[in-house]
C-alpha atoms as a PDB file:
ATOM      1  CA  UNK A   1       6.345   4.755  30.783  1.00  0.00           C
ATOM      2  CA  UNK A   2       3.091   6.421  31.672  1.00  0.00           C
ATOM      3  CA  UNK A   3       2.013   4.120  34.507  1.00  0.00           C
ATOM      4  CA  UNK A   4       1.815   6.025  37.791  1.00  0.00           C
ATOM      5  CA  UNK A   5       2.317   2.857  39.826  1.00  0.00           C
ATOM      6  CA  UNK A   6       5.635   2.055  38.105  1.00  0.00           C
ATOM      7  CA  UNK A   7       8.416   3.910  39.919  1.00  0.00           C
ATOM      8  CA  UNK A   8      11.767   4.044  38.117  1.00  0.00           C
ATOM      9  CA  UNK A   9      14.520   3.760  40.727  1.00  0.00           C
ATOM     10  CA  UNK A  10      17.583   4.009  38.484  1.00  0.00           C
ATOM     11  CA  UNK A  11      18.278   3.769  34.753  1.00  0.00           C
ATOM     12  CA  UNK A  12      20.666   4.550  31.955  1.00  0.00           C
ATOM     13  CA  UNK A  13      20.940   3.531  28.307  1.00  0.00           C
ATOM     14  CA  UNK A  14      21.770  -0.052  29.308  1.00  0.00           C
ATOM     15  CA  UNK A  15      19.062  -0.868  31.853  1.00  0.00           C
ATOM     16  CA  UNK A  16      15.978   0.189  33.796  1.00  0.00           C
ATOM     17  CA  UNK A  17      15.339  -0.812  37.410  1.00  0.00           C
ATOM     18  CA  UNK A  18      11.795  -0.015  38.492  1.00  0.00           C
ATOM     19  CA  UNK A  19       9.361  -0.901  41.225  1.00  0.00           C
ATOM     20  CA  UNK A  20       5.771  -2.081  40.909  1.00  0.00           C
ATOM     21  CA  UNK A  21       4.617  -2.277  44.527  1.00  0.00           C
ATOM     22  CA  UNK A  22       6.703  -5.133  46.038  1.00  0.00           C
ATOM     23  CA  UNK A  23       8.088  -6.252  42.665  1.00  0.00           C
ATOM     24  CA  UNK A  24      11.446  -5.037  41.406  1.00  0.00           C
ATOM     25  CA  UNK A  25      11.556  -5.041  37.604  1.00  0.00           C
ATOM     26  CA  UNK A  26      15.033  -5.037  36.098  1.00  0.00           C
ATOM     27  CA  UNK A  27      15.374  -4.887  32.312  1.00  0.00           C
ATOM     28  CA  UNK A  28      18.798  -5.216  30.733  1.00  0.00           C
ATOM     29  CA  UNK A  29      19.133  -3.643  27.275  1.00  0.00           C
ATOM     30  CA  UNK A  30      22.923  -4.072  27.273  1.00  0.00           C
ATOM     31  CA  UNK A  31      25.194  -6.609  28.928  1.00  0.00           C
ATOM     32  CA  UNK A  32      25.432  -5.784  32.648  1.00  0.00           C
ATOM     33  CA  UNK A  33      28.668  -4.159  33.812  1.00  0.00           C
ATOM     34  CA  UNK A  34      30.040  -4.014  37.343  1.00  0.00           C
ATOM     35  CA  UNK A  35      29.104  -0.311  37.546  1.00  0.00           C
ATOM     36  CA  UNK A  36      25.502  -1.000  36.532  1.00  0.00           C
ATOM     37  CA  UNK A  37      25.308  -4.031  38.812  1.00  0.00           C
ATOM     38  CA  UNK A  38      26.392  -1.860  41.764  1.00  0.00           C
ATOM     39  CA  UNK A  39      23.714   0.711  40.927  1.00  0.00           C
ATOM     40  CA  UNK A  40      21.000  -1.952  40.933  1.00  0.00           C
ATOM     41  CA  UNK A  41      22.303  -3.731  44.043  1.00  0.00           C
ATOM     42  CA  UNK A  42      22.363  -0.402  45.876  1.00  0.00           C
ATOM     43  CA  UNK A  43      18.661   0.130  45.144  1.00  0.00           C
ATOM     44  CA  UNK A  44      17.443  -3.306  46.255  1.00  0.00           C
ATOM     45  CA  UNK A  45      16.925  -1.970  49.772  1.00  0.00           C
ATOM     46  CA  UNK A  46      14.440   0.543  48.297  1.00  0.00           C
ATOM     47  CA  UNK A  47      11.996  -2.285  47.595  1.00  0.00           C
ATOM     48  CA  UNK A  48      12.918  -4.713  50.382  1.00  0.00           C
ATOM     49  CA  UNK A  49      10.623  -3.557  53.211  1.00  0.00           C
ATOM     50  CA  UNK A  50       7.727  -5.947  53.782  1.00  0.00           C
ATOM     51  CA  UNK A  51       9.004  -8.595  51.372  1.00  0.00           C
ATOM     52  CA  UNK A  52       9.771  -8.329  47.661  1.00  0.00           C
ATOM     53  CA  UNK A  53      10.373 -10.298  44.482  1.00  0.00           C
ATOM     54  CA  UNK A  54      12.730  -9.492  41.640  1.00  0.00           C
ATOM     55  CA  UNK A  55      11.886  -9.956  37.961  1.00  0.00           C
ATOM     56  CA  UNK A  56      14.895  -9.651  35.667  1.00  0.00           C
ATOM     57  CA  UNK A  57      14.480  -9.504  31.890  1.00  0.00           C
ATOM     58  CA  UNK A  58      17.569 -10.095  29.773  1.00  0.00           C
ATOM     59  CA  UNK A  59      17.017  -8.819  26.221  1.00  0.00           C
ATOM     60  CA  UNK A  60      18.685 -10.425  23.176  1.00  0.00           C
ATOM     61  CA  UNK A  61      21.603  -7.959  22.807  1.00  0.00           C
ATOM     62  CA  UNK A  62      22.998  -9.025  26.202  1.00  0.00           C
ATOM     63  CA  UNK A  63      25.916 -11.412  26.472  1.00  0.00           C
ATOM     64  CA  UNK A  64      26.391 -13.705  29.489  1.00  0.00           C
ATOM     65  CA  UNK A  65      27.621 -11.835  32.560  1.00  0.00           C
ATOM     66  CA  UNK A  66      31.010 -12.375  34.095  1.00  0.00           C
ATOM     67  CA  UNK A  67      31.771 -13.689  37.560  1.00  0.00           C
ATOM     68  CA  UNK A  68      32.484 -10.159  38.836  1.00  0.00           C
ATOM     69  CA  UNK A  69      28.988  -8.955  37.891  1.00  0.00           C
ATOM     70  CA  UNK A  70      27.360 -12.109  39.312  1.00  0.00           C
ATOM     71  CA  UNK A  71      29.239 -11.600  42.593  1.00  0.00           C
ATOM     72  CA  UNK A  72      27.862  -8.055  42.934  1.00  0.00           C
ATOM     73  CA  UNK A  73      24.286  -9.239  42.330  1.00  0.00           C
ATOM     74  CA  UNK A  74      24.711 -12.168  44.703  1.00  0.00           C
ATOM     75  CA  UNK A  75      25.991  -9.855  47.440  1.00  0.00           C
ATOM     76  CA  UNK A  76      23.063  -7.467  46.917  1.00  0.00           C
ATOM     77  CA  UNK A  77      20.540 -10.291  47.078  1.00  0.00           C
ATOM     78  CA  UNK A  78      22.223 -11.809  50.152  1.00  0.00           C
ATOM     79  CA  UNK A  79      22.127  -8.450  51.915  1.00  0.00           C
ATOM     80  CA  UNK A  80      18.342  -8.419  51.413  1.00  0.00           C
ATOM     81  CA  UNK A  81      17.608 -12.145  51.651  1.00  0.00           C
ATOM     82  CA  UNK A  82      15.472 -11.760  54.783  1.00  0.00           C
ATOM     83  CA  UNK A  83      12.979  -9.800  52.655  1.00  0.00           C
ATOM     84  CA  UNK A  84      13.516 -11.563  49.309  1.00  0.00           C
ATOM     85  CA  UNK A  85      10.567 -13.824  48.534  1.00  0.00           C
ATOM     86  CA  UNK A  86      11.844 -15.026  45.146  1.00  0.00           C
ATOM     87  CA  UNK A  87      13.366 -14.154  41.803  1.00  0.00           C
ATOM     88  CA  UNK A  88      12.270 -14.772  38.237  1.00  0.00           C
ATOM     89  CA  UNK A  89      14.567 -14.343  35.273  1.00  0.00           C
ATOM     90  CA  UNK A  90      13.302 -14.028  31.706  1.00  0.00           C
ATOM     91  CA  UNK A  91      15.932 -14.698  29.071  1.00  0.00           C
ATOM     92  CA  UNK A  92      14.495 -13.390  25.813  1.00  0.00           C
ATOM     93  CA  UNK A  93      16.735 -15.328  23.481  1.00  0.00           C
ATOM     94  CA  UNK A  94      14.945 -17.580  20.996  1.00  0.00           C
ATOM     95  CA  UNK A  95      15.748 -20.979  19.593  1.00  0.00           C
ATOM     96  CA  UNK A  96      18.375 -23.445  20.694  1.00  0.00           C
ATOM     97  CA  UNK A  97      20.656 -20.741  22.070  1.00  0.00           C
ATOM     98  CA  UNK A  98      17.830 -19.415  24.245  1.00  0.00           C
ATOM     99  CA  UNK A  99      17.003 -22.869  25.576  1.00  0.00           C
ATOM    100  CA  UNK A 100      20.654 -23.555  26.315  1.00  0.00           C
ATOM    101  CA  UNK A 101      21.114 -20.185  28.036  1.00  0.00           C
ATOM    102  CA  UNK A 102      18.047 -20.768  30.249  1.00  0.00           C
ATOM    103  CA  UNK A 103      19.254 -24.289  31.112  1.00  0.00           C
ATOM    104  CA  UNK A 104      22.674 -22.973  32.136  1.00  0.00           C
ATOM    105  CA  UNK A 105      21.042 -20.255  34.228  1.00  0.00           C
ATOM    106  CA  UNK A 106      18.879 -22.850  36.021  1.00  0.00           C
ATOM    107  CA  UNK A 107      21.925 -25.044  36.653  1.00  0.00           C
ATOM    108  CA  UNK A 108      23.933 -22.158  38.120  1.00  0.00           C
ATOM    109  CA  UNK A 109      21.034 -21.397  40.469  1.00  0.00           C
ATOM    110  CA  UNK A 110      20.790 -25.014  41.607  1.00  0.00           C
ATOM    111  CA  UNK A 111      24.519 -25.252  42.235  1.00  0.00           C
ATOM    112  CA  UNK A 112      24.581 -21.994  44.196  1.00  0.00           C
ATOM    113  CA  UNK A 113      21.700 -23.167  46.434  1.00  0.00           C
ATOM    114  CA  UNK A 114      19.979 -19.829  46.866  1.00  0.00           C
ATOM    115  CA  UNK A 115      17.699 -19.680  49.942  1.00  0.00           C
ATOM    116  CA  UNK A 116      14.699 -18.312  48.014  1.00  0.00           C
ATOM    117  CA  UNK A 117      12.628 -19.596  45.071  1.00  0.00           C
ATOM    118  CA  UNK A 118      14.149 -18.806  41.692  1.00  0.00           C
ATOM    119  CA  UNK A 119      12.762 -19.676  38.278  1.00  0.00           C
ATOM    120  CA  UNK A 120      13.916 -19.011  34.730  1.00  0.00           C
ATOM    121  CA  UNK A 121      11.452 -18.337  31.910  1.00  0.00           C
ATOM    122  CA  UNK A 122      11.373 -17.698  28.166  1.00  0.00           C
ATOM    123  CA  UNK A 123       8.592 -15.084  28.344  1.00  0.00           C
ATOM    124  CA  UNK A 124       7.437 -12.335  30.676  1.00  0.00           C
ATOM    125  CA  UNK A 125       3.904 -13.769  30.522  1.00  0.00           C
ATOM    126  CA  UNK A 126       5.126 -17.098  31.929  1.00  0.00           C
ATOM    127  CA  UNK A 127       7.043 -15.391  34.745  1.00  0.00           C
ATOM    128  CA  UNK A 128       4.068 -13.124  35.465  1.00  0.00           C
ATOM    129  CA  UNK A 129       1.901 -16.147  36.252  1.00  0.00           C
ATOM    130  CA  UNK A 130       4.304 -17.250  39.025  1.00  0.00           C
ATOM    131  CA  UNK A 131       5.242 -13.909  40.608  1.00  0.00           C
ATOM    132  CA  UNK A 132       1.896 -13.151  42.332  1.00  0.00           C
ATOM    133  CA  UNK A 133       2.122 -16.522  44.108  1.00  0.00           C
ATOM    134  CA  UNK A 134       5.444 -15.687  45.749  1.00  0.00           C
ATOM    135  CA  UNK A 135       4.376 -12.108  46.476  1.00  0.00           C
ATOM    136  CA  UNK A 136       1.335 -13.327  48.394  1.00  0.00           C
ATOM    137  CA  UNK A 137       3.569 -13.209  51.498  1.00  0.00           C
ATOM    138  CA  UNK A 138       4.450  -9.541  50.928  1.00  0.00           C
ATOM    139  CA  UNK A 139       2.986  -6.735  53.020  1.00  0.00           C
ATOM    140  CA  UNK A 140       1.718  -5.141  49.776  1.00  0.00           C
ATOM    141  CA  UNK A 141      -0.923  -6.599  47.458  1.00  0.00           C
ATOM    142  CA  UNK A 142       0.790  -8.384  44.570  1.00  0.00           C
ATOM    143  CA  UNK A 143       0.371  -7.096  41.034  1.00  0.00           C
ATOM    144  CA  UNK A 144      -1.706  -9.238  38.715  1.00  0.00           C
ATOM    145  CA  UNK A 145      -0.061 -11.103  35.836  1.00  0.00           C
ATOM    146  CA  UNK A 146      -1.705  -8.637  33.452  1.00  0.00           C
ATOM    147  CA  UNK A 147      -0.276  -5.654  35.338  1.00  0.00           C
ATOM    148  CA  UNK A 148       3.193  -7.199  35.269  1.00  0.00           C
ATOM    149  CA  UNK A 149       3.085  -7.895  31.528  1.00  0.00           C
ATOM    150  CA  UNK A 150       1.726  -4.409  30.789  1.00  0.00           C
ATOM    151  CA  UNK A 151       4.337  -2.597  32.905  1.00  0.00           C
ATOM    152  CA  UNK A 152       7.246  -4.650  31.539  1.00  0.00           C
ATOM    153  CA  UNK A 153       5.976  -3.994  28.000  1.00  0.00           C
ATOM    154  CA  UNK A 154       6.025  -0.261  28.768  1.00  0.00           C
ATOM    155  CA  UNK A 155       9.641  -0.505  29.915  1.00  0.00           C
ATOM    156  CA  UNK A 156      10.640  -2.536  26.844  1.00  0.00           C
ATOM    157  CA  UNK A 157       9.025   0.032  24.524  1.00  0.00           C
ATOM    158  CA  UNK A 158      11.303   2.722  25.910  1.00  0.00           C
ATOM    159  CA  UNK A 159      14.068   1.435  23.638  1.00  0.00           C
END
């Protein structure tokens, strides 16, 4: 990851959590665990000042997360909701299973009634088109869609 503007906050073999200005980029290479969820939630405050968005990419090896992991993420997002401008989740699973997984994720979000915009996408490029819009309210200039796609690609190549 040779991009000077991409700051890695925390990582291990199962995930990378990085910052691109006011955008948190979280890539899961393995199914999230409670330990990893706590690490990420603890670093949300590092990007919260001035308003931020969170882009989460779930790669194909990941299984659906359990309620305990979801509760940790929800608590971390709630603790920073005054600064959270929105979240985008990319579920990189193809075919019918991918469509079903994204539909379930959207339904869970609707039922939980989060107080910030949240969208689910099949590709990083699709999410990258929406993120600059929500980051327009941030104190920092938003990254362009091209910057987002390029930086996420760099993180994904690390595997």
